Structures are given as structure tokens and as C-alpha cells.
């Protein structure tokens, strides 16, 4: 909407109440076509229909009915899904009324600092717009994933969901000794004392390592401050060790508010509120529709494999040179 992606994004909105009604009708049709062996299914259909009627009456009697909007975020290391998340949030903010609720089903083990910082900032927009934010963690919300989760008014986690990992990690190989052994020189040019500290190919000094560690500590402090801002009652120093906890232990520590699943939470919401699920995806190109994109991907993969093989042969050559 406000951010223009390189590829067109299409948004699908699913009215979950209607979807539930359609499922009930399917059950009723199955009941009509069944024989006596399906009496248990028939009783189930009647019970569901009765509950559905009561739920609709509850909704009709609620003059100031509030809506629930459901989003999904399945995060990779680059938080790539934020491209769709920002569009979905902008759509909701434009249409929702104050007091409406947004439920995010979150799954992420974290990743790049700046990417997850942006994802968390997008969620903060929901609360700034006067909407309630509930985040459900069925499997994992760790590191950058927990950075996102902590922005919620309420965090619900399943019993064995992985929560926490409030820490920062950085690691890289160093090939300096290998290159030196084979008489390969590495040159690097920078402007600014700390433009580059640790490097993969040059010789890292204790000063370089100390500066890199200082940067990590600064990022960690920003992470802790962010969590403290959004969950002021949480003992941040106690949980900011990089450790992870499962749902029930995380609740004891105050990392989450309730134990449960997103399915159970949303099913309860269907009783009294209109629930809408928003799903957006990158609109497929003509080549993708025709299946040509797969051929291109295969060609790229072949080039990558060939490059990898060439690098392997090059390294093997140097290994043989030591004889």
C-alpha cells in the first residue's frame, strides 16, 4: 500500500466465521447421505449447529461488535515475510476500528538484527493505531522472533513452544593462515578507524576482536532495552542470557502470559466476534504461471553447483601443493 515492492502483491481475506459455517454445512450434507452407522456424526452436526446459532445470536446482540484480524509470520533468517506483513498491517490499520484485535500467529527462530528490528517496528504500529495485539506462538519465537513477540499486549504460547534466546551471536571463519601458507596476499582498504574490524581473509588482532565484541554488547543492550520497554514487569537481566525456555517455564519467568494454542484461542473468538484472516503473496509472473521460472531456477542451480565444484578443485589444488 505505502511501500512499493518490486513484485506485485495480492491480498486474500478469509472470513473465518463463514468458513466455519461452510464446514458445518458439509457435515450436515454428510449426515443426510449417511446411514445408521453415522448417527454419532449426526449428533455432532446438531450440536455444532446449535452452538453456531447461539454464537450468531451473541454476535447480533453485540451492537458494538469488534473484529479480529488474523495474520501469519513464518520467519527465515532475513525476516523476508516482513514484505507481506507491512502491507497486511497497513490494510488493517486503514480499515479497523479502535478496540479491534489483531492476532499474529508467529513462528521464528530469529535472524538478522536490522530485519527483525523492522518486523518488530511494524507490529508496534498496530498498538500505536489503538488496536489490541495478541501473538500466538505454537512452535518457536526465539531471538528476533521474541523481539517481535514482546511487542504484544498478550503472548500465548503452547506448552512446548521455544521462547527466549535474548542474546546476540556472530561467527565467521578466518582463512588468513591458509592464504599465508600458500603465499596468497590479501589486501583491504578502508576509510574510518572501525570501518572493518574482524575479517575472513585478513589477520584479526585483539583490538579488532575487542571492538567487534563491543559492537555485539551494544546490540545486546538495545535488545534488552526493547524487551524492557514492551514488557516492563519482566526481569530482563535474568532472561537476557541467550537461553531458551519451553512454554510453561517461559510463563513462570514472565516471558509469556498464557499457555494455549492459536487454534483454541481463535475458536473461542469465533463464538462472539467476526474473525478475518489476511494472507498476502507475491503475485506470480507470467513465466511462473507457465512453469518457465522453474527452468530458470534449475539453470541457476546448475551454475551454482558448477561454481562450487570449481572452488572445491581450487582448494584441492592448494592442498596437493603442500607435498
Protein backbone atom coordinates (compact mmCIF):
# COMPACT_ATOMS: atom_id res chain seq x y z
CA UNK A 1 0.00 0.00 0.00
CA UNK A 2 2.57 2.58 1.17
CA UNK A 3 5.64 0.52 0.37
CA UNK A 4 6.02 -0.44 -3.26
CA UNK A 5 7.58 -3.92 -3.65
CA UNK A 6 9.48 -4.97 -6.74
CA UNK A 7 6.77 -7.52 -7.50
CA UNK A 8 3.02 -7.03 -7.20
CA UNK A 9 1.46 -8.39 -4.02
CA UNK A 10 -2.06 -9.77 -3.91
CA UNK A 11 -4.07 -9.97 -0.69
CA UNK A 12 -6.61 -12.64 0.20
CA UNK A 13 -9.10 -12.07 3.03
CA UNK A 14 -10.89 -15.08 4.52
CA UNK A 15 -13.95 -14.64 6.72
CA UNK A 16 -13.33 -17.42 9.23
CA UNK A 17 -16.88 -17.33 10.61
CA UNK A 18 -18.22 -18.05 7.13
CA UNK A 19 -15.61 -20.75 6.61
CA UNK A 20 -16.77 -22.40 9.80
CA UNK A 21 -20.40 -22.23 8.63
CA UNK A 22 -19.42 -23.82 5.32
CA UNK A 23 -17.68 -26.63 7.18
CA UNK A 24 -20.81 -27.20 9.25
CA UNK A 25 -22.93 -27.40 6.10
CA UNK A 26 -20.58 -30.02 4.71
CA UNK A 27 -21.02 -32.03 7.87
CA UNK A 28 -24.80 -31.68 7.59
CA UNK A 29 -24.70 -32.87 3.99
CA UNK A 30 -22.63 -35.83 5.04
CA UNK A 31 -25.19 -36.53 7.76
CA UNK A 32 -28.03 -36.58 5.23
CA UNK A 33 -26.20 -39.01 2.98
CA UNK A 34 -25.14 -41.32 5.78
CA UNK A 35 -26.79 -44.46 7.06
CA UNK A 36 -27.43 -45.56 10.63
CA UNK A 37 -23.72 -46.09 11.24
CA UNK A 38 -23.28 -42.30 11.09
CA UNK A 39 -25.60 -41.46 13.96
CA UNK A 40 -22.68 -40.14 16.04
CA UNK A 41 -21.78 -37.74 13.21
CA UNK A 42 -25.41 -36.61 13.01
CA UNK A 43 -25.44 -35.80 16.72
CA UNK A 44 -22.18 -33.90 16.31
CA UNK A 45 -23.69 -31.86 13.46
CA UNK A 46 -26.75 -30.98 15.56
CA UNK A 47 -24.59 -29.89 18.45
CA UNK A 48 -22.38 -27.74 16.24
CA UNK A 49 -25.42 -26.20 14.54
CA UNK A 50 -26.94 -25.36 17.90
CA UNK A 51 -23.70 -23.75 19.08
CA UNK A 52 -23.39 -21.87 15.80
CA UNK A 53 -26.90 -20.47 16.18
CA UNK A 54 -26.13 -19.33 19.71
CA UNK A 55 -22.87 -17.77 18.55
CA UNK A 56 -24.65 -15.84 15.81
CA UNK A 57 -27.19 -14.58 18.34
CA UNK A 58 -24.35 -13.40 20.56
CA UNK A 59 -22.82 -11.54 17.63
CA UNK A 60 -26.16 -9.98 16.62
CA UNK A 61 -26.79 -8.81 20.18
CA UNK A 62 -23.44 -7.07 20.33
CA UNK A 63 -24.20 -3.61 18.97
CA UNK A 64 -20.56 -2.52 19.00
CA UNK A 65 -19.12 -5.68 17.57
CA UNK A 66 -15.34 -5.76 17.43
CA UNK A 67 -13.48 -7.58 14.69
CA UNK A 68 -10.47 -9.85 14.94
CA UNK A 69 -7.84 -9.86 12.19
CA UNK A 70 -5.52 -12.85 11.90
CA UNK A 71 -2.03 -12.64 10.43
CA UNK A 72 0.74 -15.21 9.99
CA UNK A 73 4.50 -14.70 10.15
CA UNK A 74 6.83 -17.59 9.34
CA UNK A 75 10.26 -16.04 9.69
CA UNK A 76 13.51 -17.01 8.00
CA UNK A 77 16.95 -15.60 8.85
CA UNK A 78 16.25 -12.45 6.77
CA UNK A 79 12.68 -11.97 8.08
CA UNK A 80 11.61 -12.00 4.42
CA UNK A 81 7.93 -12.25 5.37
CA UNK A 82 8.02 -8.64 6.60
CA UNK A 83 7.45 -7.59 2.97
CA UNK A 84 3.94 -9.04 3.18
CA UNK A 85 3.43 -8.25 6.88
CA UNK A 86 3.82 -4.50 6.39
CA UNK A 87 1.18 -4.48 3.64
CA UNK A 88 -1.26 -6.52 5.71
CA UNK A 89 -0.79 -4.25 8.72
CA UNK A 90 -1.32 -1.12 6.63
CA UNK A 91 -4.55 -2.61 5.27
CA UNK A 92 -5.83 -3.44 8.76
CA UNK A 93 -4.96 -0.03 10.22
CA UNK A 94 -6.79 1.65 7.34
CA UNK A 95 -9.99 -0.34 7.90
CA UNK A 96 -10.12 -1.34 11.58
CA UNK A 97 -11.79 0.50 14.43
CA UNK A 98 -10.16 1.22 17.76
CA UNK A 99 -10.60 -1.73 20.06
CA UNK A 100 -10.38 -4.29 17.26
CA UNK A 101 -7.85 -7.05 17.80
CA UNK A 102 -5.02 -8.34 15.67
CA UNK A 103 -3.84 -11.90 16.28
CA UNK A 104 -0.45 -12.83 14.87
CA UNK A 105 0.49 -16.49 14.60
CA UNK A 106 4.26 -16.22 14.91
CA UNK A 107 6.94 -18.76 14.09
CA UNK A 108 10.57 -17.65 14.01
CA UNK A 109 13.94 -18.58 15.45
CA UNK A 110 15.35 -15.13 14.71
CA UNK A 111 17.97 -13.86 12.27
CA UNK A 112 19.41 -10.57 11.09
CA UNK A 113 19.19 -7.72 13.61
CA UNK A 114 18.02 -4.99 11.26
CA UNK A 115 15.45 -7.22 9.55
CA UNK A 116 13.79 -8.33 12.77
CA UNK A 117 14.02 -4.81 14.12
CA UNK A 118 11.88 -3.72 11.18
CA UNK A 119 9.43 -6.59 11.73
CA UNK A 120 9.03 -5.62 15.39
CA UNK A 121 8.54 -1.98 14.41
CA UNK A 122 5.74 -3.00 12.04
CA UNK A 123 3.94 -4.75 14.91
CA UNK A 124 4.37 -1.67 17.10
CA UNK A 125 2.30 0.25 14.51
CA UNK A 126 -0.71 -1.90 15.41
CA UNK A 127 -0.68 -0.74 19.03
CA UNK A 128 0.02 2.85 18.03
CA UNK A 129 -3.18 2.71 15.97
CA UNK A 130 -5.20 1.84 19.08
CA UNK A 131 -5.65 -1.84 18.23
CA UNK A 132 -5.07 -4.77 20.57
CA UNK A 133 -2.25 -7.11 19.60
CA UNK A 134 -2.16 -10.77 20.62
CA UNK A 135 0.68 -13.01 19.50
CA UNK A 136 0.32 -16.79 19.50
CA UNK A 137 3.45 -18.93 19.47
CA UNK A 138 2.69 -22.56 18.67
CA UNK A 139 6.28 -23.61 17.95
CA UNK A 140 9.04 -21.04 18.34
CA UNK A 141 9.65 -17.34 19.00
CA UNK A 142 13.33 -17.02 19.81
CA UNK A 143 15.87 -14.23 19.48
CA UNK A 144 14.47 -11.91 16.76
CA UNK A 145 11.25 -13.90 16.97
CA UNK A 146 10.90 -12.95 20.63
CA UNK A 147 11.78 -9.35 19.76
CA UNK A 148 8.60 -9.42 17.68
CA UNK A 149 6.56 -11.28 20.28
CA UNK A 150 7.36 -8.92 23.14
CA UNK A 151 5.54 -6.07 21.38
CA UNK A 152 2.19 -7.79 22.03
CA UNK A 153 -0.38 -6.88 24.65
CA UNK A 154 -0.68 -10.61 25.27
CA UNK A 155 1.58 -13.53 24.36
CA UNK A 156 0.09 -17.03 24.21
CA UNK A 157 2.46 -19.98 23.86
CA UNK A 158 1.90 -23.71 23.63
CA UNK A 159 3.39 -25.95 26.31
CA UNK A 160 6.48 -26.87 24.34
CA UNK A 161 6.94 -23.71 22.28
CA UNK A 162 10.55 -22.47 22.32
CA UNK A 163 10.73 -18.98 23.82
CA UNK A 164 13.53 -16.54 24.62
CA UNK A 165 17.11 -16.53 23.33
CA UNK A 166 17.51 -12.85 24.17
CA UNK A 167 21.10 -12.58 23.02
CA UNK A 168 23.33 -11.82 20.03
CA UNK A 169 25.70 -14.12 18.14
CA UNK A 170 28.29 -13.53 15.43
CA UNK A 171 30.67 -16.07 13.93
CA UNK A 172 32.85 -16.39 10.85
CA UNK A 173 35.76 -18.49 9.60
CA UNK A 174 39.19 -16.96 9.09
CA UNK A 175 41.38 -18.08 6.18
CA UNK A 176 44.41 -15.88 6.94
CA UNK A 177 46.79 -18.71 7.90
CA UNK A 178 45.64 -20.81 4.94
CA UNK A 179 46.28 -17.97 2.47
CA UNK A 180 49.60 -17.15 4.10
CA UNK A 181 50.69 -20.78 3.83
CA UNK A 182 50.03 -20.74 0.09
CA UNK A 183 51.59 -17.32 -0.49
CA UNK A 184 48.28 -15.60 -1.25
CA UNK A 185 48.21 -11.99 -0.13
CA UNK A 186 45.01 -10.28 0.97
CA UNK A 187 44.67 -6.52 0.78
CA UNK A 188 41.87 -4.42 2.25
CA UNK A 189 41.39 -0.67 2.08
CA UNK A 190 39.16 1.30 4.43
CA UNK A 191 38.47 4.88 5.44
CA UNK A 192 37.48 5.22 9.08
CA UNK A 193 39.18 3.53 12.01
CA UNK A 194 36.45 0.94 12.57
CA UNK A 195 35.04 0.58 9.06
CA UNK A 196 36.11 -3.08 9.18
CA UNK A 197 37.11 -4.93 12.35
CA UNK A 198 37.17 -8.74 12.10
CA UNK A 199 37.58 -10.16 8.62
CA UNK A 200 37.50 -13.57 6.95
CA UNK A 201 40.73 -13.19 4.98
CA UNK A 202 42.95 -10.76 6.87
CA UNK A 203 44.75 -11.16 10.19
CA UNK A 204 42.47 -10.30 13.13
CA UNK A 205 44.10 -8.55 16.05
CA UNK A 206 42.99 -8.50 19.69
CA UNK A 207 41.91 -4.89 19.15
CA UNK A 208 39.72 -5.97 16.22
CA UNK A 209 38.11 -8.70 18.30
CA UNK A 210 37.56 -6.35 21.23
CA UNK A 211 35.81 -3.81 19.01
CA UNK A 212 33.61 -6.48 17.44
CA UNK A 213 32.66 -7.77 20.89
CA UNK A 214 31.87 -4.20 21.95
CA UNK A 215 29.50 -3.87 19.00
CA UNK A 216 27.75 -7.12 19.96
CA UNK A 217 27.36 -5.94 23.54
CA UNK A 218 25.80 -2.70 22.31
CA UNK A 219 23.30 -4.59 20.15
CA UNK A 220 22.50 -6.85 23.10
CA UNK A 221 21.81 -3.82 25.28
CA UNK A 222 19.49 -2.35 22.68
CA UNK A 223 17.69 -5.72 22.53
CA UNK A 224 17.27 -5.78 26.31
CA UNK A 225 16.04 -2.18 26.36
CA UNK A 226 13.47 -3.02 23.69
CA UNK A 227 12.15 -6.00 25.65
CA UNK A 228 12.04 -3.95 28.86
CA UNK A 229 10.09 -1.19 27.12
CA UNK A 230 7.37 -3.56 25.95
CA UNK A 231 7.32 -5.89 28.97
CA UNK A 232 8.23 -3.64 31.91
CA UNK A 233 7.35 -6.24 34.56
CA UNK A 234 9.83 -8.76 33.12
CA UNK A 235 13.19 -9.24 34.86
CA UNK A 236 15.19 -8.67 31.69
CA UNK A 237 18.63 -9.24 33.20
CA UNK A 238 17.53 -12.66 34.38
CA UNK A 239 16.34 -13.83 30.97
CA UNK A 240 18.79 -11.96 28.69
CA UNK A 241 21.36 -14.75 28.83
CA UNK A 242 20.72 -16.19 25.38
CA UNK A 243 18.92 -19.18 26.92
CA UNK A 244 15.68 -20.65 25.65
CA UNK A 245 12.73 -21.96 27.66
CA UNK A 246 9.68 -24.04 26.85
CA UNK A 247 6.20 -22.56 27.16
CA UNK A 248 5.33 -23.44 30.77
CA UNK A 249 8.74 -22.34 32.10
CA UNK A 250 8.57 -19.18 29.98
CA UNK A 251 5.23 -18.33 31.61
CA UNK A 252 6.75 -18.74 35.07
CA UNK A 253 9.51 -16.30 34.13
CA UNK A 254 7.03 -13.81 32.65
CA UNK A 255 8.19 -14.19 29.04
CA UNK A 256 4.63 -15.15 28.01
CA UNK A 257 1.21 -14.52 29.53
CA UNK A 258 -0.83 -17.65 28.83
CA UNK A 259 -0.41 -21.27 27.82
CA UNK A 260 -2.51 -22.37 24.86
CA UNK A 261 -2.63 -22.76 21.11
CA UNK A 262 -3.65 -20.35 18.38
CA UNK A 263 -6.35 -22.80 17.29
CA UNK A 264 -8.09 -22.81 20.67
CA UNK A 265 -7.80 -19.04 21.02
CA UNK A 266 -9.33 -18.31 17.63
CA UNK A 267 -12.06 -20.90 18.05
CA UNK A 268 -13.19 -19.05 21.16
CA UNK A 269 -13.16 -15.76 19.24
CA UNK A 270 -15.49 -17.22 16.61
CA UNK A 271 -18.17 -17.51 19.30
CA UNK A 272 -18.61 -13.78 19.75
CA UNK A 273 -16.70 -11.87 17.08
CA UNK A 274 -16.21 -11.66 13.34
CA UNK A 275 -12.78 -13.07 12.52
CA UNK A 276 -10.90 -12.35 9.30
CA UNK A 277 -7.65 -13.97 8.16
CA UNK A 278 -5.39 -11.98 5.85
CA UNK A 279 -2.94 -13.75 3.55
CA UNK A 280 -0.80 -11.95 1.01
CA UNK A 281 1.63 -13.36 -1.51
CA UNK A 282 3.78 -12.12 -4.33
CA UNK A 283 1.73 -12.21 -7.49
CA UNK A 284 3.20 -14.84 -9.83
CA UNK A 285 4.74 -13.61 -13.06
CA UNK A 286 3.67 -14.91 -16.44
CA UNK A 287 6.80 -17.08 -16.56
CA UNK A 288 5.94 -18.59 -13.18
CA UNK A 289 2.37 -19.27 -14.30
CA UNK A 290 3.68 -21.06 -17.40
CA UNK A 291 6.22 -23.01 -15.37
CA UNK A 292 9.19 -21.37 -17.10
CA UNK A 293 10.52 -19.96 -13.85
CA UNK A 294 11.32 -23.46 -12.64
CA UNK A 295 13.53 -23.97 -15.68
CA UNK A 296 15.36 -20.72 -14.95
CA UNK A 297 15.81 -21.75 -11.32
CA UNK A 298 17.24 -25.07 -12.43
CA UNK A 299 19.73 -23.30 -14.69
CA UNK A 300 20.82 -21.00 -11.86
CA UNK A 301 21.21 -24.00 -9.56
CA UNK A 302 23.39 -25.73 -12.17
CA UNK A 303 25.63 -22.66 -12.44
CA UNK A 304 25.91 -22.51 -8.64
CA UNK A 305 26.84 -26.21 -8.50
CA UNK A 306 29.48 -25.71 -11.18
CA UNK A 307 30.96 -22.74 -9.29
CA UNK A 308 31.01 -24.76 -6.07
CA UNK A 309 32.80 -27.63 -7.83
CA UNK A 310 35.38 -25.22 -9.28
CA UNK A 311 36.11 -23.77 -5.84
CA UNK A 312 36.48 -27.30 -4.47
CA UNK A 313 39.01 -28.17 -7.17
CA UNK A 314 40.92 -24.95 -6.44
CA UNK A 315 41.15 -25.76 -2.74
CA UNK A 316 42.19 -29.33 -3.55
CA UNK A 317 44.96 -27.99 -5.76
CA UNK A 318 46.38 -25.98 -2.88
CA UNK A 319 46.12 -28.96 -0.58
CA UNK A 320 48.21 -31.01 -3.01
CA UNK A 321 50.75 -28.18 -3.25
CA UNK A 322 51.99 -28.86 0.29
CA UNK A 323 53.56 -32.12 -0.91
